[in-house]
C-alpha atoms as a PDB file:
ATOM      1  CA  VAL A   1     157.704 100.271  95.888  1.00  0.00           C
ATOM      2  CA  GLY A   2     157.949  97.000  97.765  1.00  0.00           C
ATOM      3  CA  ALA A   3     161.064  95.688  99.422  1.00  0.00           C
ATOM      4  CA  VAL A   4     164.206  95.197  97.385  1.00  0.00           C
ATOM      5  CA  LEU A   5     166.723  92.789  98.818  1.00  0.00           C
ATOM      6  CA  GLY A   6     170.271  92.378  97.735  1.00  0.00           C
ATOM      7  CA  ARG A   7     172.414  89.221  97.785  1.00  0.00           C
ATOM      8  CA  SER A   8     171.422  88.624 101.384  1.00  0.00           C
ATOM      9  CA  ALA A   9     167.953  87.801 100.066  1.00  0.00           C
ATOM     10  CA  THR A  10     168.795  84.135 100.453  1.00  0.00           C
ATOM     11  CA  ALA A  11     167.960  84.612 104.163  1.00  0.00           C
ATOM     12  CA  ASN A  12     164.295  84.945 103.153  1.00  0.00           C
ATOM     13  CA  THR A  13     162.977  81.391 103.099  1.00  0.00           C
ATOM     14  CA  SER A  14     160.025  81.942 100.730  1.00  0.00           C
ATOM     15  CA  PRO A  15     161.872  82.416  97.415  1.00  0.00           C
ATOM     16  CA  ALA A  16     163.745  79.470  95.936  1.00  0.00           C
ATOM     17  CA  ALA A  17     167.473  79.799  96.577  1.00  0.00           C
ATOM     18  CA  SER A  18     168.519  78.758  93.104  1.00  0.00           C
ATOM     19  CA  ALA A  19     167.335  79.148  89.511  1.00  0.00           C
ATOM     20  CA  SER A  20     167.237  75.386  89.053  1.00  0.00           C
ATOM     21  CA  GLU A  21     164.635  75.144  91.818  1.00  0.00           C
ATOM     22  CA  VAL A  22     162.568  77.851  90.064  1.00  0.00           C
ATOM     23  CA  LEU A  23     162.693  76.140  86.706  1.00  0.00           C
ATOM     24  CA  SER A  24     161.829  72.682  88.060  1.00  0.00           C
ATOM     25  CA  GLY A  25     158.505  71.743  86.504  1.00  0.00           C
ATOM     26  CA  GLN A  26     158.475  74.620  84.028  1.00  0.00           C
ATOM     27  CA  ARG A  27     158.899  74.166  80.317  1.00  0.00           C
ATOM     28  CA  ALA A  28     160.640  76.361  77.808  1.00  0.00           C
ATOM     29  CA  ILE A  29     157.903  78.121  75.822  1.00  0.00           C
ATOM     30  CA  GLY A  30     160.133  80.062  73.384  1.00  0.00           C
ATOM     31  CA  GLN A  31     163.515  81.522  72.821  1.00  0.00           C
ATOM     32  CA  SER A  32     165.095  84.198  70.690  1.00  0.00           C
ATOM     33  CA  LEU A  33     168.236  86.168  70.162  1.00  0.00           C
ATOM     34  CA  PHE A  34     167.767  89.911  70.751  1.00  0.00           C
ATOM     35  CA  ARG A  35     169.786  92.237  68.523  1.00  0.00           C
ATOM     36  CA  TRP A  36     170.005  95.977  68.702  1.00  0.00           C
ATOM     37  CA  TRP A  37     171.329  97.713  65.572  1.00  0.00           C
ATOM     38  CA  GLY A  38     172.824  94.419  64.458  1.00  0.00           C
ATOM     39  CA  LEU A  39     174.657  93.783  67.747  1.00  0.00           C
ATOM     40  CA  GLU A  40     173.794  90.604  69.610  1.00  0.00           C
ATOM     41  CA  VAL A  41     172.685  91.688  73.096  1.00  0.00           C
ATOM     42  CA  TYR A  42     171.156  88.583  74.800  1.00  0.00           C
ATOM     43  CA  ARG A  43     169.373  85.330  74.250  1.00  0.00           C
ATOM     44  CA  ALA A  44     165.955  85.357  75.912  1.00  0.00           C
ATOM     45  CA  THR A  45     164.119  82.198  77.005  1.00  0.00           C
ATOM     46  CA  LEU A  46     160.584  82.174  78.422  1.00  0.00           C
ATOM     47  CA  TYR A  47     159.629  79.347  80.859  1.00  0.00           C
ATOM     48  CA  GLY A  48     156.161  78.582  82.142  1.00  0.00           C
ATOM     49  CA  ASP A  49     153.629  75.960  83.026  1.00  0.00           C
ATOM     50  CA  THR A  50     151.583  73.977  80.523  1.00  0.00           C
ATOM     51  CA  GLY A  51     148.640  76.169  79.655  1.00  0.00           C
ATOM     52  CA  PHE A  52     150.562  79.465  79.808  1.00  0.00           C
ATOM     53  CA  ASP A  53     148.363  82.102  78.179  1.00  0.00           C
ATOM     54  CA  PRO A  54     150.381  85.037  76.806  1.00  0.00           C
ATOM     55  CA  GLN A  55     147.253  87.266  76.710  1.00  0.00           C
ATOM     56  CA  ARG A  56     147.032  86.919  80.494  1.00  0.00           C
ATOM     57  CA  PHE A  57     150.753  86.806  81.256  1.00  0.00           C
ATOM     58  CA  GLU A  58     150.498  89.172  84.242  1.00  0.00           C
ATOM     59  CA  ARG A  59     148.157  86.749  86.085  1.00  0.00           C
ATOM     60  CA  GLN A  60     150.441  83.704  85.754  1.00  0.00           C
ATOM     61  CA  ARG A  61     153.744  82.565  87.236  1.00  0.00           C
ATOM     62  CA  PHE A  62     156.566  82.322  84.721  1.00  0.00           C
ATOM     63  CA  SER A  63     160.274  82.914  84.323  1.00  0.00           C
ATOM     64  CA  LEU A  64     162.255  84.831  81.723  1.00  0.00           C
ATOM     65  CA  GLU A  65     166.022  84.235  81.370  1.00  0.00           C
ATOM     66  CA  LEU A  66     168.337  86.650  79.618  1.00  0.00           C
ATOM     67  CA  ALA A  67     171.745  85.172  78.734  1.00  0.00           C
ATOM     68  CA  TYR A  68     173.887  88.259  78.120  1.00  0.00           C
ATOM     69  CA  LEU A  69     176.321  88.470  75.208  1.00  0.00           C
ATOM     70  CA  ARG A  70     177.701  91.934  76.063  1.00  0.00           C
ATOM     71  CA  ASN A  71     178.779  94.022  79.046  1.00  0.00           C
ATOM     72  CA  PHE A  72     176.130  96.268  80.583  1.00  0.00           C
ATOM     73  CA  SER A  73     176.024  98.251  83.774  1.00  0.00           C
ATOM     74  CA  GLY A  74     173.111  97.610  86.137  1.00  0.00           C
ATOM     75  CA  ARG A  75     172.391 101.334  85.904  1.00  0.00           C
ATOM     76  CA  ASP A  76     172.000 101.070  82.095  1.00  0.00           C
ATOM     77  CA  ILE A  77     169.771  98.017  82.385  1.00  0.00           C
ATOM     78  CA  ALA A  78     167.575  99.792  84.962  1.00  0.00           C
ATOM     79  CA  GLN A  79     167.240 102.988  82.886  1.00  0.00           C
ATOM     80  CA  ARG A  80     166.507 101.081  79.639  1.00  0.00           C
ATOM     81  CA  SER A  81     163.932  98.982  81.483  1.00  0.00           C
ATOM     82  CA  LEU A  82     162.202 102.093  82.820  1.00  0.00           C
ATOM     83  CA  ASP A  83     162.193 103.650  79.300  1.00  0.00           C
ATOM     84  CA  GLU A  84     160.623 100.440  77.926  1.00  0.00           C
ATOM     85  CA  ILE A  85     157.981 100.316  80.688  1.00  0.00           C
ATOM     86  CA  GLN A  86     157.063 103.960  80.028  1.00  0.00           C
ATOM     87  CA  GLY A  87     156.973 103.324  76.244  1.00  0.00           C
ATOM     88  CA  ILE A  88     154.175 100.785  76.838  1.00  0.00           C
ATOM     89  CA  ALA A  89     152.224 103.097  79.222  1.00  0.00           C
ATOM     90  CA  PRO A  90     153.482 106.168  81.108  1.00  0.00           C
ATOM     91  CA  LEU A  91     154.048 106.178  84.866  1.00  0.00           C
ATOM     92  CA  ASP A  92     153.514 109.099  87.173  1.00  0.00           C
ATOM     93  CA  PRO A  93     156.838 110.681  88.151  1.00  0.00           C
ATOM     94  CA  THR A  94     156.773 109.372  91.722  1.00  0.00           C
ATOM     95  CA  GLN A  95     156.153 105.795  90.656  1.00  0.00           C
ATOM     96  CA  ALA A  96     158.788 106.070  87.892  1.00  0.00           C
ATOM     97  CA  SER A  97     161.341 107.322  90.394  1.00  0.00           C
ATOM     98  CA  GLY A  98     160.566 104.580  92.899  1.00  0.00           C
ATOM     99  CA  TRP A  99     160.688 101.809  90.284  1.00  0.00           C
ATOM    100  CA  LEU A 100     163.980 103.142  88.934  1.00  0.00           C
ATOM    101  CA  GLU A 101     165.399 103.090  92.483  1.00  0.00           C
ATOM    102  CA  ALA A 102     164.196  99.506  92.906  1.00  0.00           C
ATOM    103  CA  MET A 103     165.747  98.402  89.611  1.00  0.00           C
ATOM    104  CA  LEU A 104     169.066 100.141  90.403  1.00  0.00           C
ATOM    105  CA  LYS A 105     169.227  97.963  93.521  1.00  0.00           C
ATOM    106  CA  ALA A 106     167.969  94.849  91.780  1.00  0.00           C
ATOM    107  CA  PHE A 107     170.086  94.753  88.610  1.00  0.00           C
ATOM    108  CA  PRO A 108     173.779  93.921  88.704  1.00  0.00           C
ATOM    109  CA  ASP A 109     176.401  94.806  86.152  1.00  0.00           C
ATOM    110  CA  VAL A 110     176.587  91.916  83.625  1.00  0.00           C
ATOM    111  CA  ARG A 111     179.289  90.455  81.388  1.00  0.00           C
ATOM    112  CA  PRO A 112     179.068  88.064  78.430  1.00  0.00           C
ATOM    113  CA  GLY A 113     177.937  84.694  79.765  1.00  0.00           C
ATOM    114  CA  ASP A 114     176.047  86.062  82.735  1.00  0.00           C
ATOM    115  CA  ARG A 115     172.456  84.844  83.057  1.00  0.00           C
ATOM    116  CA  LEU A 116     169.743  86.861  84.747  1.00  0.00           C
ATOM    117  CA  LEU A 117     166.551  84.958  85.431  1.00  0.00           C
ATOM    118  CA  GLY A 118     163.506  86.957  86.387  1.00  0.00           C
ATOM    119  CA  VAL A 119     160.524  85.228  88.005  1.00  0.00           C
ATOM    120  CA  HIS A 120     157.046  86.762  87.966  1.00  0.00           C
ATOM    121  CA  GLU A 121     154.718  85.818  90.770  1.00  0.00           C
ATOM    122  CA  PRO A 122     151.447  87.639  90.294  1.00  0.00           C
ATOM    123  CA  GLU A 123     150.529  88.121  93.944  1.00  0.00           C
ATOM    124  CA  ARG A 124     154.060  88.740  95.205  1.00  0.00           C
ATOM    125  CA  GLY A 125     156.266  90.525  92.701  1.00  0.00           C
ATOM    126  CA  ALA A 126     159.548  89.696  90.992  1.00  0.00           C
ATOM    127  CA  ARG A 127     162.629  87.707  91.937  1.00  0.00           C
ATOM    128  CA  PHE A 128     165.929  87.889  90.084  1.00  0.00           C
ATOM    129  CA  TYR A 129     168.595  85.254  89.965  1.00  0.00           C
ATOM    130  CA  LEU A 130     172.115  86.020  88.725  1.00  0.00           C
ATOM    131  CA  ASN A 131     173.985  82.999  87.380  1.00  0.00           C
ATOM    132  CA  GLY A 132     171.691  80.618  89.209  1.00  0.00           C
ATOM    133  CA  ARG A 133     171.670  82.295  92.656  1.00  0.00           C
ATOM    134  CA  LEU A 134     169.007  84.533  94.165  1.00  0.00           C
ATOM    135  CA  HIS A 135     170.198  88.134  93.739  1.00  0.00           C
ATOM    136  CA  SER A 136     167.227  90.351  94.555  1.00  0.00           C
ATOM    137  CA  VAL A 137     163.499  90.473  95.267  1.00  0.00           C
ATOM    138  CA  VAL A 138     161.094  93.267  94.433  1.00  0.00           C
ATOM    139  CA  ASP A 139     157.867  92.769  96.430  1.00  0.00           C
ATOM    140  CA  ASP A 140     155.564  94.739  94.166  1.00  0.00           C
ATOM    141  CA  PRO A 141     153.129  92.879  91.878  1.00  0.00           C
ATOM    142  CA  ALA A 142     152.356  95.972  89.786  1.00  0.00           C
ATOM    143  CA  PHE A 143     156.056  96.508  89.142  1.00  0.00           C
ATOM    144  CA  SER A 144     156.520  92.859  88.192  1.00  0.00           C
ATOM    145  CA  ALA A 145     153.647  92.851  85.707  1.00  0.00           C
ATOM    146  CA  ARG A 146     154.839  96.081  84.035  1.00  0.00           C
ATOM    147  CA  PHE A 147     158.481  94.966  84.012  1.00  0.00           C
ATOM    148  CA  PHE A 148     157.804  91.671  82.292  1.00  0.00           C
ATOM    149  CA  GLY A 149     155.481  93.483  79.927  1.00  0.00           C
ATOM    150  CA  ILE A 150     158.669  94.809  78.319  1.00  0.00           C
ATOM    151  CA  TRP A 151     158.857  91.387  76.569  1.00  0.00           C
ATOM    152  CA  LEU A 152     155.318  90.026  76.827  1.00  0.00           C
ATOM    153  CA  SER A 153     152.921  92.911  76.426  1.00  0.00           C
ATOM    154  CA  PRO A 154     151.213  93.207  73.003  1.00  0.00           C
ATOM    155  CA  ARG A 155     152.441  96.822  73.134  1.00  0.00           C
ATOM    156  CA  THR A 156     156.160  95.854  73.468  1.00  0.00           C
ATOM    157  CA  SER A 157     158.653  97.728  71.364  1.00  0.00           C
ATOM    158  CA  GLN A 158     159.961  94.354  70.116  1.00  0.00           C
ATOM    159  CA  PRO A 159     156.980  92.427  68.704  1.00  0.00           C
ATOM    160  CA  ARG A 160     159.123  89.861  66.853  1.00  0.00           C
ATOM    161  CA  LEU A 161     160.960  88.992  70.074  1.00  0.00           C
ATOM    162  CA  ARG A 162     157.568  88.620  71.814  1.00  0.00           C
ATOM    163  CA  GLU A 163     156.278  86.308  69.046  1.00  0.00           C
ATOM    164  CA  ALA A 164     159.319  84.107  69.365  1.00  0.00           C
ATOM    165  CA  LEU A 165     159.059  83.931  73.197  1.00  0.00           C
ATOM    166  CA  ILE A 166     155.373  83.016  73.219  1.00  0.00           C
ATOM    167  CA  ALA A 167     155.418  80.730  70.151  1.00  0.00           C
ATOM    168  CA  GLY A 168     155.191  77.484  72.065  1.00  0.00           C
ATOM    169  CA  ALA A 169     152.354  78.590  74.288  1.00  0.00           C
ATOM    170  CA  ALA A 170     149.560  77.791  71.828  1.00  0.00           C
ATOM    171  CA  LEU A 171     151.218  74.567  70.793  1.00  0.00           C
ATOM    172  CA  GLY A 172     151.781  73.290  74.340  1.00  0.00           C
ATOM    173  CA  LEU A 173     155.305  72.348  73.404  1.00  0.00           C
ATOM    174  CA  ASN A 174     158.661  72.593  75.110  1.00  0.00           C
ATOM    175  CA  LEU A 175     160.184  74.289  72.093  1.00  0.00           C
ATOM    176  CA  VAL A 176     163.745  74.459  73.367  1.00  0.00           C
ATOM    177  CA  ALA A 177     163.836  70.779  74.388  1.00  0.00           C
ATOM    178  CA  HIS A 178     162.019  69.441  71.325  1.00  0.00           C
ATOM    179  CA  GLY A 179     164.063  70.483  68.323  1.00  0.00           C
ATOM    180  CA  ALA A 180     163.327  74.169  68.145  1.00  0.00           C
ATOM    181  CA  ASP A 181     166.601  74.846  66.319  1.00  0.00           C
ATOM    182  CA  VAL A 182     164.794  75.688  63.066  1.00  0.00           C
ATOM    183  CA  PHE A 183     162.374  77.932  64.950  1.00  0.00           C
ATOM    184  CA  ARG A 184     165.214  79.689  66.804  1.00  0.00           C
ATOM    185  CA  ARG A 185     167.190  80.196  63.592  1.00  0.00           C
ATOM    186  CA  ARG A 186     164.147  81.722  61.892  1.00  0.00           C
ATOM    187  CA  ALA A 187     163.589  84.057  64.900  1.00  0.00           C
ATOM    188  CA  ASP A 188     167.297  84.963  65.075  1.00  0.00           C
ATOM    189  CA  GLU A 189     167.306  85.794  61.355  1.00  0.00           C
ATOM    190  CA  GLY A 190     164.305  87.992  61.717  1.00  0.00           C
ATOM    191  CA  ASP A 191     161.916  85.682  59.798  1.00  0.00           C
ATOM    192  CA  LEU A 192     159.456  85.584  62.709  1.00  0.00           C
END
């Protein structure tokens, strides 16, 4: 597993120091409310460049923001993420253990209103911003592709959520900025 940096990651000059810098120039591709057994968990928003191709997501730079609506421990987020990654394709035990350790360091406890923005950079790995500030970096491109596959892989456990997140890619629209309220309502109600 590549390097995992904590809050002191802002000393590294290569990643943007704030989420607003990361999102500059990106457009909102899609958004949806994620529910688990009827409970609202988070609102997810996918950001990317014009021409984002969901079939090749792992080869493109993009950002995924989760706006949490409930309390979760970083440990629970890390374990659930590992379970989802392994549900798409199994990992060998050594890799699974290393990635879990990286996620335990990378993911903070969250409360309602907290925003965790993950940035996928195909040749570098993943960066995570908590409430707009750089929180952690995982310098492992394979981890990053598999992690973001939780939402974007065709084999995700949540295909409706994936559909809502990638909906604007084929249209080339900024769905969130251009009146996507009807689309979001349909996705939130399970119509998509």
